[in-house]
Amino acid sequence: MRVVEKDRVISGMLRDELKRCRELLAGLQKSAATLPKGALKERKKRYKDKSYSYYSLKYRDGEKVVNKHVSSDQAPVLMKKLEQGKK
């Protein structure tokens, strides 16, 4: 791009934009690292003619798949965080 190399104003604007994009990307990666991974599922069990339901977070830890119990109080908060991670 010979025009950009010759014009200092345009090359300066492009450098500033590149710097801004890299800072934005670093911030997004940092915030994404704090969000939980996995999928939240409502599991249902039947025991002696009664039906019970509970939430479980399913995620991968290396080669293993982990199912972690989540209390019903924490489930809505965790759902919002998981949706943020998908965005």
Protein backbone atom coordinates (compact mmCIF):
# COMPACT_ATOMS: atom_id res chain seq x y z
CA MET A 1 0.00 0.00 0.00
CA ARG A 2 2.16 2.81 -1.30
CA VAL A 3 -0.42 5.50 -0.55
CA VAL A 4 -0.53 4.62 3.15
CA GLU A 5 3.25 4.51 3.43
CA LYS A 6 3.57 7.98 1.88
CA ASP A 7 0.74 9.64 3.83
CA ARG A 8 1.69 10.01 7.51
CA VAL A 9 -1.81 11.02 8.58
CA ILE A 10 -3.43 7.86 7.24
CA SER A 11 -0.68 5.57 8.53
CA GLY A 12 -0.95 7.25 11.96
CA MET A 13 -4.72 6.73 12.02
CA LEU A 14 -4.30 3.07 11.07
CA ARG A 15 -1.68 2.54 13.80
CA ASP A 16 -3.99 4.13 16.39
CA GLU A 17 -6.90 1.96 15.25
CA LEU A 18 -4.74 -1.17 15.42
CA LYS A 19 -3.66 -0.27 18.96
CA ARG A 20 -7.29 0.33 20.00
CA CYS A 21 -8.40 -3.00 18.54
CA ARG A 22 -5.60 -4.89 20.30
CA GLU A 23 -6.49 -3.28 23.65
CA LEU A 24 -10.15 -4.12 23.11
CA LEU A 25 -9.30 -7.72 22.24
CA ALA A 26 -7.11 -8.08 25.35
CA GLY A 27 -9.93 -6.75 27.54
CA LEU A 28 -12.46 -9.12 26.00
CA GLN A 29 -10.15 -12.11 26.45
CA LYS A 30 -9.53 -11.16 30.08
CA SER A 31 -13.26 -10.87 30.85
CA ALA A 32 -14.04 -14.10 28.97
CA ALA A 33 -11.48 -15.98 31.08
CA THR A 34 -13.45 -15.18 34.25
CA LEU A 35 -16.75 -16.49 32.87
CA PRO A 36 -17.73 -20.12 33.56
CA LYS A 37 -17.54 -22.73 30.84
CA GLY A 38 -19.99 -25.48 30.10
CA ALA A 39 -23.74 -25.92 29.87
CA LEU A 40 -26.35 -25.68 32.60
CA LYS A 41 -28.97 -28.42 32.49
CA GLU A 42 -31.99 -29.11 34.62
CA ARG A 43 -31.97 -32.77 35.54
CA LYS A 44 -35.03 -34.64 36.70
CA LYS A 45 -35.11 -37.79 38.81
CA ARG A 46 -37.98 -39.95 39.96
CA TYR A 47 -37.89 -41.70 43.30
CA LYS A 48 -40.84 -43.50 44.89
CA ASP A 49 -43.55 -41.77 42.84
CA LYS A 50 -42.03 -38.35 43.41
CA SER A 51 -40.24 -36.21 40.85
CA TYR A 52 -37.20 -34.15 41.82
CA SER A 53 -35.36 -31.62 39.70
CA TYR A 54 -31.98 -29.99 40.15
CA TYR A 55 -29.45 -28.08 38.10
CA SER A 56 -26.09 -29.36 37.00
CA LEU A 57 -23.22 -27.68 35.19
CA LYS A 58 -21.60 -29.92 32.60
CA TYR A 59 -18.12 -29.04 31.37
CA ARG A 60 -14.93 -30.67 30.14
CA ASP A 61 -11.79 -30.83 32.28
CA GLY A 62 -9.07 -32.12 29.99
CA GLU A 63 -10.25 -35.55 28.86
CA LYS A 64 -12.94 -35.89 31.55
CA VAL A 65 -16.51 -34.62 31.46
CA VAL A 66 -17.55 -33.19 34.82
CA ASN A 67 -21.11 -32.84 36.11
CA LYS A 68 -21.20 -30.37 38.98
CA HIS A 69 -24.30 -29.82 41.11
CA VAL A 70 -25.55 -26.21 41.20
CA SER A 71 -27.96 -24.97 43.85
CA SER A 72 -31.26 -23.52 42.70
CA ASP A 73 -30.25 -20.14 44.17
CA GLN A 74 -27.11 -19.95 42.02
CA ALA A 75 -28.71 -21.23 38.82
CA PRO A 76 -30.18 -17.91 37.51
CA VAL A 77 -26.90 -16.06 38.10
CA LEU A 78 -24.95 -18.83 36.39
CA MET A 79 -27.36 -18.80 33.43
CA LYS A 80 -26.71 -15.09 32.87
CA LYS A 81 -22.95 -15.57 33.03
CA LEU A 82 -23.11 -18.45 30.55
CA GLU A 83 -25.17 -16.33 28.14
CA GLN A 84 -22.58 -13.55 28.39
CA GLY A 85 -19.88 -16.07 27.54
CA LYS A 86 -21.75 -17.14 24.42
CA LYS A 87 -22.02 -13.54 23.21
